[in-house]
Amino acid sequence: MPDQPPFTESCVAASVPRTSRSDILALLNTRLHPALQEILAAEVASGNRVTDAGVDWPDAGSVHVTLSRRFDSRHASAEAVFSPCDDPHYWHADYSTADAPRHLLIC
């Protein structure tokens, strides 16, 4: 039996349209930076869910993922920098990779 991908339908919020789920899961499982995959796995295990994901923002080749609930700095590391934003026009906080292209987890 082939290995299960780390991220499955259960990590995606119920509000995400079914037509978008396979694209989101492909990004999470194949293109998201490994340091952010680890943080995402911990957030999903605690009940947080993915509400959106996309590519080429903020940098060409990057992946950005939005989570439904706020997170804190507990997962910060040299590879995943935590930044509070707390601007109602944008988001509460994010983790970004130190390497380019910069990948983001946003809440």
PDB file of N, CA and C in Angstrom:
ATOM      1  N   MET A   1       0.846  -1.184   0.000  1.00  0.00           N
ATOM      2  CA  MET A   1       0.000   0.000   0.000  1.00  0.00           C
ATOM      3  C   MET A   1       0.888   1.243   0.000  1.00  0.00           C
ATOM      4  N   PRO A   2       0.632   2.225  -0.884  1.00  0.00           N
ATOM      5  CA  PRO A   2       1.438   3.437  -0.926  1.00  0.00           C
ATOM      6  C   PRO A   2       1.245   4.256   0.354  1.00  0.00           C
ATOM      7  N   ASP A   3       2.271   5.046   0.669  1.00  0.00           N
ATOM      8  CA  ASP A   3       2.175   5.923   1.839  1.00  0.00           C
ATOM      9  C   ASP A   3       1.054   6.925   1.651  1.00  0.00           C
ATOM     10  N   GLN A   4       0.366   7.213   2.768  1.00  0.00           N
ATOM     11  CA  GLN A   4      -0.672   8.248   2.752  1.00  0.00           C
ATOM     12  C   GLN A   4       0.006   9.616   2.724  1.00  0.00           C
ATOM     13  N   PRO A   5      -0.523  10.564   1.976  1.00  0.00           N
ATOM     14  CA  PRO A   5       0.039  11.914   2.031  1.00  0.00           C
ATOM     15  C   PRO A   5      -0.205  12.496   3.426  1.00  0.00           C
ATOM     16  N   PRO A   6       0.658  13.395   3.869  1.00  0.00           N
ATOM     17  CA  PRO A   6       0.487  13.950   5.211  1.00  0.00           C
ATOM     18  C   PRO A   6      -0.814  14.731   5.389  1.00  0.00           C
ATOM     19  N   PHE A   7      -1.273  15.388   4.331  1.00  0.00           N
ATOM     20  CA  PHE A   7      -2.487  16.209   4.442  1.00  0.00           C
ATOM     21  C   PHE A   7      -3.602  15.602   3.599  1.00  0.00           C
ATOM     22  N   THR A   8      -4.746  15.426   4.235  1.00  0.00           N
ATOM     23  CA  THR A   8      -5.915  14.831   3.588  1.00  0.00           C
ATOM     24  C   THR A   8      -7.104  15.773   3.734  1.00  0.00           C
ATOM     25  N   GLU A   9      -8.230  15.357   3.222  1.00  0.00           N
ATOM     26  CA  GLU A   9      -9.470  16.157   3.280  1.00  0.00           C
ATOM     27  C   GLU A   9      -9.772  16.676   4.681  1.00  0.00           C
ATOM     28  N   SER A  10      -9.386  15.931   5.705  1.00  0.00           N
ATOM     29  CA  SER A  10      -9.728  16.313   7.078  1.00  0.00           C
ATOM     30  C   SER A  10      -9.046  17.601   7.531  1.00  0.00           C
ATOM     31  N   CYS A  11      -7.999  18.039   6.846  1.00  0.00           N
ATOM     32  CA  CYS A  11      -7.315  19.269   7.263  1.00  0.00           C
ATOM     33  C   CYS A  11      -7.932  20.516   6.629  1.00  0.00           C
ATOM     34  N   VAL A  12      -8.869  20.332   5.707  1.00  0.00           N
ATOM     35  CA  VAL A  12      -9.476  21.453   4.989  1.00  0.00           C
ATOM     36  C   VAL A  12     -10.816  21.810   5.632  1.00  0.00           C
ATOM     37  N   ALA A  13     -11.048  23.095   5.830  1.00  0.00           N
ATOM     38  CA  ALA A  13     -12.294  23.572   6.428  1.00  0.00           C
ATOM     39  C   ALA A  13     -13.491  23.160   5.584  1.00  0.00           C
ATOM     40  N   ALA A  14     -14.591  22.899   6.250  1.00  0.00           N
ATOM     41  CA  ALA A  14     -15.826  22.493   5.566  1.00  0.00           C
ATOM     42  C   ALA A  14     -16.312  23.565   4.592  1.00  0.00           C
ATOM     43  N   SER A  15     -15.960  24.814   4.832  1.00  0.00           N
ATOM     44  CA  SER A  15     -16.412  25.915   3.980  1.00  0.00           C
ATOM     45  C   SER A  15     -15.700  25.966   2.623  1.00  0.00           C
ATOM     46  N   VAL A  16     -14.603  25.239   2.470  1.00  0.00           N
ATOM     47  CA  VAL A  16     -13.859  25.246   1.201  1.00  0.00           C
ATOM     48  C   VAL A  16     -14.635  24.415   0.178  1.00  0.00           C
ATOM     49  N   PRO A  17     -14.900  24.983  -0.996  1.00  0.00           N
ATOM     50  CA  PRO A  17     -15.646  24.235  -2.008  1.00  0.00           C
ATOM     51  C   PRO A  17     -14.935  22.940  -2.400  1.00  0.00           C
ATOM     52  N   ARG A  18     -15.692  21.905  -2.625  1.00  0.00           N
ATOM     53  CA  ARG A  18     -15.133  20.598  -3.020  1.00  0.00           C
ATOM     54  C   ARG A  18     -14.243  20.722  -4.252  1.00  0.00           C
ATOM     55  N   THR A  19     -14.595  21.621  -5.154  1.00  0.00           N
ATOM     56  CA  THR A  19     -13.826  21.775  -6.390  1.00  0.00           C
ATOM     57  C   THR A  19     -12.425  22.327  -6.142  1.00  0.00           C
ATOM     58  N   SER A  20     -12.193  22.970  -5.011  1.00  0.00           N
ATOM     59  CA  SER A  20     -10.879  23.545  -4.693  1.00  0.00           C
ATOM     60  C   SER A  20     -10.013  22.627  -3.847  1.00  0.00           C
ATOM     61  N   ARG A  21     -10.598  21.629  -3.221  1.00  0.00           N
ATOM     62  CA  ARG A  21      -9.873  20.813  -2.240  1.00  0.00           C
ATOM     63  C   ARG A  21      -8.687  20.058  -2.818  1.00  0.00           C
ATOM     64  N   SER A  22      -8.825  19.450  -3.974  1.00  0.00           N
ATOM     65  CA  SER A  22      -7.711  18.665  -4.517  1.00  0.00           C
ATOM     66  C   SER A  22      -6.527  19.563  -4.867  1.00  0.00           C
ATOM     67  N   ASP A  23      -6.796  20.769  -5.377  1.00  0.00           N
ATOM     68  CA  ASP A  23      -5.710  21.700  -5.678  1.00  0.00           C
ATOM     69  C   ASP A  23      -4.991  22.133  -4.399  1.00  0.00           C
ATOM     70  N   ILE A  24      -5.761  22.423  -3.359  1.00  0.00           N
ATOM     71  CA  ILE A  24      -5.178  22.829  -2.077  1.00  0.00           C
ATOM     72  C   ILE A  24      -4.332  21.690  -1.507  1.00  0.00           C
ATOM     73  N   LEU A  25      -4.872  20.493  -1.501  1.00  0.00           N
ATOM     74  CA  LEU A  25      -4.129  19.353  -0.950  1.00  0.00           C
ATOM     75  C   LEU A  25      -2.849  19.079  -1.731  1.00  0.00           C
ATOM     76  N   ALA A  26      -2.886  19.259  -3.037  1.00  0.00           N
ATOM     77  CA  ALA A  26      -1.678  19.070  -3.843  1.00  0.00           C
ATOM     78  C   ALA A  26      -0.598  20.076  -3.439  1.00  0.00           C
ATOM     79  N   LEU A  27      -0.985  21.324  -3.218  1.00  0.00           N
ATOM     80  CA  LEU A  27      -0.021  22.327  -2.773  1.00  0.00           C
ATOM     81  C   LEU A  27       0.568  21.974  -1.412  1.00  0.00           C
ATOM     82  N   LEU A  28      -0.292  21.578  -0.483  1.00  0.00           N
ATOM     83  CA  LEU A  28       0.163  21.256   0.870  1.00  0.00           C
ATOM     84  C   LEU A  28       1.111  20.072   0.866  1.00  0.00           C
ATOM     85  N   ASN A  29       0.796  19.062   0.086  1.00  0.00           N
ATOM     86  CA  ASN A  29       1.565  17.817   0.104  1.00  0.00           C
ATOM     87  C   ASN A  29       2.822  17.841  -0.762  1.00  0.00           C
ATOM     88  N   THR A  30       2.861  18.686  -1.787  1.00  0.00           N
ATOM     89  CA  THR A  30       4.000  18.615  -2.707  1.00  0.00           C
ATOM     90  C   THR A  30       4.820  19.892  -2.821  1.00  0.00           C
ATOM     91  N   ARG A  31       4.238  21.047  -2.518  1.00  0.00           N
ATOM     92  CA  ARG A  31       4.966  22.298  -2.780  1.00  0.00           C
ATOM     93  C   ARG A  31       5.245  23.140  -1.547  1.00  0.00           C
ATOM     94  N   LEU A  32       4.485  22.960  -0.477  1.00  0.00           N
ATOM     95  CA  LEU A  32       4.700  23.755   0.734  1.00  0.00           C
ATOM     96  C   LEU A  32       6.034  23.379   1.370  1.00  0.00           C
ATOM     97  N   HIS A  33       6.770  24.351   1.804  1.00  0.00           N
ATOM     98  CA  HIS A  33       8.087  24.160   2.429  1.00  0.00           C
ATOM     99  C   HIS A  33       7.966  23.190   3.611  1.00  0.00           C
ATOM    100  N   PRO A  34       8.915  22.254   3.763  1.00  0.00           N
ATOM    101  CA  PRO A  34       8.843  21.252   4.846  1.00  0.00           C
ATOM    102  C   PRO A  34       8.715  21.846   6.254  1.00  0.00           C
ATOM    103  N   ALA A  35       9.374  22.965   6.518  1.00  0.00           N
ATOM    104  CA  ALA A  35       9.251  23.582   7.853  1.00  0.00           C
ATOM    105  C   ALA A  35       7.821  24.028   8.117  1.00  0.00           C
ATOM    106  N   LEU A  36       7.161  24.550   7.087  1.00  0.00           N
ATOM    107  CA  LEU A  36       5.769  24.979   7.255  1.00  0.00           C
ATOM    108  C   LEU A  36       4.827  23.784   7.246  1.00  0.00           C
ATOM    109  N   GLN A  37       5.194  22.711   6.549  1.00  0.00           N
ATOM    110  CA  GLN A  37       4.392  21.480   6.623  1.00  0.00           C
ATOM    111  C   GLN A  37       4.344  20.964   8.057  1.00  0.00           C
ATOM    112  N   GLU A  38       5.470  21.022   8.760  1.00  0.00           N
ATOM    113  CA  GLU A  38       5.503  20.574  10.152  1.00  0.00           C
ATOM    114  C   GLU A  38       4.597  21.416  11.030  1.00  0.00           C
ATOM    115  N   ILE A  39       4.646  22.725  10.862  1.00  0.00           N
ATOM    116  CA  ILE A  39       3.794  23.620  11.651  1.00  0.00           C
ATOM    117  C   ILE A  39       2.338  23.375  11.298  1.00  0.00           C
ATOM    118  N   LEU A  40       2.045  23.251  10.016  1.00  0.00           N
ATOM    119  CA  LEU A  40       0.672  22.999   9.583  1.00  0.00           C
ATOM    120  C   LEU A  40       0.144  21.702  10.178  1.00  0.00           C
ATOM    121  N   ALA A  41       0.956  20.663  10.191  1.00  0.00           N
ATOM    122  CA  ALA A  41       0.536  19.381  10.770  1.00  0.00           C
ATOM    123  C   ALA A  41       0.195  19.544  12.248  1.00  0.00           C
ATOM    124  N   ALA A  42       0.999  20.307  12.982  1.00  0.00           N
ATOM    125  CA  ALA A  42       0.724  20.535  14.406  1.00  0.00           C
ATOM    126  C   ALA A  42      -0.563  21.342  14.586  1.00  0.00           C
ATOM    127  N   GLU A  43      -0.773  22.339  13.751  1.00  0.00           N
ATOM    128  CA  GLU A  43      -1.990  23.150  13.839  1.00  0.00           C
ATOM    129  C   GLU A  43      -3.235  22.319  13.502  1.00  0.00           C
ATOM    130  N   VAL A  44      -3.131  21.500  12.473  1.00  0.00           N
ATOM    131  CA  VAL A  44      -4.265  20.634  12.100  1.00  0.00           C
ATOM    132  C   VAL A  44      -4.565  19.647  13.229  1.00  0.00           C
ATOM    133  N   ALA A  45      -3.529  19.091  13.845  1.00  0.00           N
ATOM    134  CA  ALA A  45      -3.722  18.155  14.961  1.00  0.00           C
ATOM    135  C   ALA A  45      -4.433  18.823  16.132  1.00  0.00           C
ATOM    136  N   SER A  46      -4.248  20.145  16.285  1.00  0.00           N
ATOM    137  CA  SER A  46      -4.911  20.859  17.375  1.00  0.00           C
ATOM    138  C   SER A  46      -6.288  21.390  16.981  1.00  0.00           C
ATOM    139  N   GLY A  47      -6.728  21.080  15.758  1.00  0.00           N
ATOM    140  CA  GLY A  47      -8.078  21.463  15.338  1.00  0.00           C
ATOM    141  C   GLY A  47      -8.163  22.606  14.350  1.00  0.00           C
ATOM    142  N   ASN A  48      -7.059  23.237  14.038  1.00  0.00           N
ATOM    143  CA  ASN A  48      -7.081  24.316  13.054  1.00  0.00           C
ATOM    144  C   ASN A  48      -7.294  23.705  11.666  1.00  0.00           C
ATOM    145  N   ARG A  49      -7.870  24.462  10.750  1.00  0.00           N
ATOM    146  CA  ARG A  49      -8.161  23.969   9.412  1.00  0.00           C
ATOM    147  C   ARG A  49      -7.742  24.973   8.350  1.00  0.00           C
ATOM    148  N   VAL A  50      -7.404  24.469   7.172  1.00  0.00           N
ATOM    149  CA  VAL A  50      -7.006  25.286   6.026  1.00  0.00           C
ATOM    150  C   VAL A  50      -8.261  25.853   5.370  1.00  0.00           C
ATOM    151  N   THR A  51      -8.259  27.166   5.142  1.00  0.00           N
ATOM    152  CA  THR A  51      -9.391  27.798   4.458  1.00  0.00           C
ATOM    153  C   THR A  51      -9.047  28.239   3.046  1.00  0.00           C
ATOM    154  N   ASP A  52      -7.738  28.340   2.743  1.00  0.00           N
ATOM    155  CA  ASP A  52      -7.339  28.785   1.407  1.00  0.00           C
ATOM    156  C   ASP A  52      -5.854  28.482   1.211  1.00  0.00           C
ATOM    157  N   ALA A  53      -5.457  28.333  -0.023  1.00  0.00           N
ATOM    158  CA  ALA A  53      -4.044  28.176  -0.373  1.00  0.00           C
ATOM    159  C   ALA A  53      -3.860  28.628  -1.816  1.00  0.00           C
ATOM    160  N   GLY A  54      -2.690  29.150  -2.097  1.00  0.00           N
ATOM    161  CA  GLY A  54      -2.407  29.609  -3.444  1.00  0.00           C
ATOM    162  C   GLY A  54      -0.913  29.633  -3.700  1.00  0.00           C
ATOM    163  N   VAL A  55      -0.555  30.020  -4.901  1.00  0.00           N
ATOM    164  CA  VAL A  55       0.849  30.040  -5.311  1.00  0.00           C
ATOM    165  C   VAL A  55       1.257  31.419  -5.818  1.00  0.00           C
ATOM    166  N   ASP A  56       2.581  31.596  -5.897  1.00  0.00           N
ATOM    167  CA  ASP A  56       3.200  32.780  -6.490  1.00  0.00           C
ATOM    168  C   ASP A  56       2.906  34.085  -5.748  1.00  0.00           C
ATOM    169  N   TRP A  57       2.619  33.985  -4.464  1.00  0.00           N
ATOM    170  CA  TRP A  57       2.525  35.152  -3.600  1.00  0.00           C
ATOM    171  C   TRP A  57       2.997  34.734  -2.226  1.00  0.00           C
ATOM    172  N   PRO A  58       3.872  35.412  -1.591  1.00  0.00           N
ATOM    173  CA  PRO A  58       4.368  36.743  -1.937  1.00  0.00           C
ATOM    174  C   PRO A  58       5.495  36.752  -2.971  1.00  0.00           C
ATOM    175  N   ASP A  59       6.049  35.589  -3.290  1.00  0.00           N
ATOM    176  CA  ASP A  59       7.122  35.512  -4.284  1.00  0.00           C
ATOM    177  C   ASP A  59       6.745  34.512  -5.374  1.00  0.00           C
ATOM    178  N   ALA A  60       7.322  34.671  -6.549  1.00  0.00           N
ATOM    179  CA  ALA A  60       7.128  33.672  -7.598  1.00  0.00           C
ATOM    180  C   ALA A  60       7.647  32.331  -7.083  1.00  0.00           C
ATOM    181  N   GLY A  61       6.839  31.302  -7.227  1.00  0.00           N
ATOM    182  CA  GLY A  61       7.212  29.966  -6.769  1.00  0.00           C
ATOM    183  C   GLY A  61       6.856  29.669  -5.327  1.00  0.00           C
ATOM    184  N   SER A  62       6.330  30.642  -4.608  1.00  0.00           N
ATOM    185  CA  SER A  62       5.982  30.415  -3.205  1.00  0.00           C
ATOM    186  C   SER A  62       4.566  29.866  -3.062  1.00  0.00           C
ATOM    187  N   VAL A  63       4.283  29.346  -1.863  1.00  0.00           N
ATOM    188  CA  VAL A  63       2.948  28.856  -1.511  1.00  0.00           C
ATOM    189  C   VAL A  63       2.502  29.624  -0.272  1.00  0.00           C
ATOM    190  N   HIS A  64       1.252  30.066  -0.266  1.00  0.00           N
ATOM    191  CA  HIS A  64       0.683  30.679   0.927  1.00  0.00           C
ATOM    192  C   HIS A  64      -0.566  29.902   1.337  1.00  0.00           C
ATOM    193  N   VAL A  65      -0.727  29.729   2.644  1.00  0.00           N
ATOM    194  CA  VAL A  65      -1.825  28.941   3.201  1.00  0.00           C
ATOM    195  C   VAL A  65      -2.481  29.752   4.304  1.00  0.00           C
ATOM    196  N   THR A  66      -3.805  29.848   4.266  1.00  0.00           N
ATOM    197  CA  THR A  66      -4.549  30.560   5.302  1.00  0.00           C
ATOM    198  C   THR A  66      -5.255  29.545   6.192  1.00  0.00           C
ATOM    199  N   LEU A  67      -5.130  29.757   7.501  1.00  0.00           N
ATOM    200  CA  LEU A  67      -5.773  28.881   8.487  1.00  0.00           C
ATOM    201  C   LEU A  67      -6.958  29.585   9.124  1.00  0.00           C
ATOM    202  N   SER A  68      -7.907  28.799   9.611  1.00  0.00           N
ATOM    203  CA  SER A  68      -9.157  29.339  10.133  1.00  0.00           C
ATOM    204  C   SER A  68      -9.022  29.987  11.501  1.00  0.00           C
ATOM    205  N   ARG A  69      -8.096  29.490  12.315  1.00  0.00           N
ATOM    206  CA  ARG A  69      -7.946  30.016  13.672  1.00  0.00           C
ATOM    207  C   ARG A  69      -6.567  30.628  13.850  1.00  0.00           C
ATOM    208  N   ARG A  70      -6.502  31.542  14.799  1.00  0.00           N
ATOM    209  CA  ARG A  70      -5.221  32.177  15.103  1.00  0.00           C
ATOM    210  C   ARG A  70      -4.246  31.181  15.704  1.00  0.00           C
ATOM    211  N   PHE A  71      -2.965  31.397  15.426  1.00  0.00           N
ATOM    212  CA  PHE A  71      -1.912  30.618  16.063  1.00  0.00           C
ATOM    213  C   PHE A  71      -0.938  31.588  16.716  1.00  0.00           C
ATOM    214  N   ASP A  72      -0.009  31.035  17.492  1.00  0.00           N
ATOM    215  CA  ASP A  72       0.977  31.872  18.171  1.00  0.00           C
ATOM    216  C   ASP A  72       2.383  31.493  17.714  1.00  0.00           C
ATOM    217  N   SER A  73       3.375  31.964  18.440  1.00  0.00           N
ATOM    218  CA  SER A  73       4.766  31.819  18.020  1.00  0.00           C
ATOM    219  C   SER A  73       5.427  30.517  18.472  1.00  0.00           C
ATOM    220  N   ARG A  74       4.683  29.593  19.052  1.00  0.00           N
ATOM    221  CA  ARG A  74       5.295  28.391  19.647  1.00  0.00           C
ATOM    222  C   ARG A  74       6.098  27.536  18.666  1.00  0.00           C
ATOM    223  N   HIS A  75       5.842  27.645  17.377  1.00  0.00           N
ATOM    224  CA  HIS A  75       6.532  26.816  16.386  1.00  0.00           C
ATOM    225  C   HIS A  75       7.696  27.529  15.697  1.00  0.00           C
ATOM    226  N   ALA A  76       8.005  28.738  16.126  1.00  0.00           N
ATOM    227  CA  ALA A  76       9.051  29.526  15.459  1.00  0.00           C
ATOM    228  C   ALA A  76      10.408  28.814  15.510  1.00  0.00           C
ATOM    229  N   SER A  77      11.160  28.968  14.428  1.00  0.00           N
ATOM    230  CA  SER A  77      12.489  28.363  14.333  1.00  0.00           C
ATOM    231  C   SER A  77      13.317  29.181  13.352  1.00  0.00           C
ATOM    232  N   ALA A  78      14.538  28.751  13.139  1.00  0.00           N
ATOM    233  CA  ALA A  78      15.398  29.438  12.170  1.00  0.00           C
ATOM    234  C   ALA A  78      14.832  29.325  10.755  1.00  0.00           C
ATOM    235  N   GLU A  79      14.097  28.236  10.477  1.00  0.00           N
ATOM    236  CA  GLU A  79      13.529  28.034   9.139  1.00  0.00           C
ATOM    237  C   GLU A  79      12.140  28.644   8.971  1.00  0.00           C
ATOM    238  N   ALA A  80      11.436  28.878  10.090  1.00  0.00           N
ATOM    239  CA  ALA A  80      10.067  29.397  10.042  1.00  0.00           C
ATOM    240  C   ALA A  80       9.944  30.554  11.029  1.00  0.00           C
ATOM    241  N   VAL A  81       9.965  31.759  10.506  1.00  0.00           N
ATOM    242  CA  VAL A  81       9.958  32.969  11.315  1.00  0.00           C
ATOM    243  C   VAL A  81       8.513  33.395  11.583  1.00  0.00           C
ATOM    244  N   PHE A  82       8.203  33.647  12.861  1.00  0.00           N
ATOM    245  CA  PHE A  82       6.877  34.116  13.252  1.00  0.00           C
ATOM    246  C   PHE A  82       6.850  35.637  13.213  1.00  0.00           C
ATOM    247  N   SER A  83       5.796  36.199  12.633  1.00  0.00           N
ATOM    248  CA  SER A  83       5.621  37.658  12.592  1.00  0.00           C
ATOM    249  C   SER A  83       4.192  38.017  12.932  1.00  0.00           C
ATOM    250  N   PRO A  84       3.998  38.779  14.008  1.00  0.00           N
ATOM    251  CA  PRO A  84       2.642  39.280  14.278  1.00  0.00           C
ATOM    252  C   PRO A  84       2.341  40.416  13.304  1.00  0.00           C
ATOM    253  N   CYS A  85       1.130  40.481  12.853  1.00  0.00           N
ATOM    254  CA  CYS A  85       0.704  41.559  11.959  1.00  0.00           C
ATOM    255  C   CYS A  85      -0.428  42.321  12.648  1.00  0.00           C
ATOM    256  N   ASP A  86      -1.449  41.567  13.025  1.00  0.00           N
ATOM    257  CA  ASP A  86      -2.607  42.086  13.755  1.00  0.00           C
ATOM    258  C   ASP A  86      -3.186  43.357  13.149  1.00  0.00           C
ATOM    259  N   ASP A  87      -3.276  43.357  11.839  1.00  0.00           N
ATOM    260  CA  ASP A  87      -3.890  44.464  11.115  1.00  0.00           C
ATOM    261  C   ASP A  87      -5.229  43.970  10.579  1.00  0.00           C
ATOM    262  N   PRO A  88      -6.331  44.616  10.952  1.00  0.00           N
ATOM    263  CA  PRO A  88      -7.641  44.124  10.517  1.00  0.00           C
ATOM    264  C   PRO A  88      -7.822  44.095   9.001  1.00  0.00           C
ATOM    265  N   HIS A  89      -6.967  44.804   8.267  1.00  0.00           N
ATOM    266  CA  HIS A  89      -7.046  44.781   6.807  1.00  0.00           C
ATOM    267  C   HIS A  89      -6.323  43.576   6.212  1.00  0.00           C
ATOM    268  N   TYR A  90      -5.485  42.924   7.006  1.00  0.00           N
ATOM    269  CA  TYR A  90      -4.704  41.801   6.513  1.00  0.00           C
ATOM    270  C   TYR A  90      -4.972  40.563   7.354  1.00  0.00           C
ATOM    271  N   TRP A  91      -4.098  40.268   8.300  1.00  0.00           N
ATOM    272  CA  TRP A  91      -4.249  39.065   9.106  1.00  0.00           C
ATOM    273  C   TRP A  91      -3.655  39.284  10.485  1.00  0.00           C
ATOM    274  N   HIS A  92      -3.793  38.269  11.340  1.00  0.00           N
ATOM    275  CA  HIS A  92      -3.302  38.362  12.715  1.00  0.00           C
ATOM    276  C   HIS A  92      -1.791  38.129  12.792  1.00  0.00           C
ATOM    277  N   ALA A  93      -1.315  37.044  12.188  1.00  0.00           N
ATOM    278  CA  ALA A  93       0.102  36.687  12.256  1.00  0.00           C
ATOM    279  C   ALA A  93       0.436  35.732  11.118  1.00  0.00           C
ATOM    280  N   ASP A  94       1.733  35.501  10.942  1.00  0.00           N
ATOM    281  CA  ASP A  94       2.142  34.526   9.927  1.00  0.00           C
ATOM    282  C   ASP A  94       3.454  33.879  10.318  1.00  0.00           C
ATOM    283  N   TYR A  95       3.701  32.749   9.706  1.00  0.00           N
ATOM    284  CA  TYR A  95       5.006  32.110   9.686  1.00  0.00           C
ATOM    285  C   TYR A  95       5.498  32.220   8.256  1.00  0.00           C
ATOM    286  N   SER A  96       6.747  32.629   8.079  1.00  0.00           N
ATOM    287  CA  SER A  96       7.319  32.672   6.739  1.00  0.00           C
ATOM    288  C   SER A  96       8.658  31.945   6.754  1.00  0.00           C
ATOM    289  N   THR A  97       8.989  31.374   5.623  1.00  0.00           N
ATOM    290  CA  THR A  97      10.267  30.682   5.524  1.00  0.00           C
ATOM    291  C   THR A  97      11.385  31.702   5.381  1.00  0.00           C
ATOM    292  N   ALA A  98      12.548  31.327   5.862  1.00  0.00           N
ATOM    293  CA  ALA A  98      13.713  32.205   5.762  1.00  0.00           C
ATOM    294  C   ALA A  98      14.300  32.167   4.352  1.00  0.00           C
ATOM    295  N   ASP A  99      14.113  31.051   3.659  1.00  0.00           N
ATOM    296  CA  ASP A  99      14.650  30.881   2.308  1.00  0.00           C
ATOM    297  C   ASP A  99      13.698  31.455   1.265  1.00  0.00           C
ATOM    298  N   ALA A 100      14.255  31.819   0.135  1.00  0.00           N
ATOM    299  CA  ALA A 100      13.438  32.244  -0.999  1.00  0.00           C
ATOM    300  C   ALA A 100      13.163  31.025  -1.877  1.00  0.00           C
ATOM    301  N   PRO A 101      12.011  30.942  -2.487  1.00  0.00           N
ATOM    302  CA  PRO A 101      10.898  31.871  -2.358  1.00  0.00           C
ATOM    303  C   PRO A 101      10.249  31.737  -0.982  1.00  0.00           C
ATOM    304  N   ARG A 102       9.733  32.821  -0.478  1.00  0.00           N
ATOM    305  CA  ARG A 102       9.154  32.872   0.851  1.00  0.00           C
ATOM    306  C   ARG A 102       7.753  32.259   0.847  1.00  0.00           C
ATOM    307  N   HIS A 103       7.579  31.166   1.604  1.00  0.00           N
ATOM    308  CA  HIS A 103       6.276  30.542   1.778  1.00  0.00           C
ATOM    309  C   HIS A 103       5.652  31.099   3.041  1.00  0.00           C
ATOM    310  N   LEU A 104       4.315  31.137   3.113  1.00  0.00           N
ATOM    311  CA  LEU A 104       3.618  31.707   4.263  1.00  0.00           C
ATOM    312  C   LEU A 104       2.509  30.808   4.787  1.00  0.00           C
ATOM    313  N   LEU A 105       2.390  30.755   6.125  1.00  0.00           N
ATOM    314  CA  LEU A 105       1.182  30.265   6.803  1.00  0.00           C
ATOM    315  C   LEU A 105       0.579  31.503   7.443  1.00  0.00           C
ATOM    316  N   ILE A 106      -0.679  31.756   7.177  1.00  0.00           N
ATOM    317  CA  ILE A 106      -1.349  32.985   7.610  1.00  0.00           C
ATOM    318  C   ILE A 106      -2.544  32.632   8.484  1.00  0.00           C
ATOM    319  N   CYS A 107      -2.742  33.439   9.538  1.00  0.00           N
ATOM    320  CA  CYS A 107      -3.980  33.283  10.326  1.00  0.00           C
ATOM    321  C   CYS A 107      -4.596  34.627  10.597  1.00  0.00           C
TER     322      CYS A 107
END
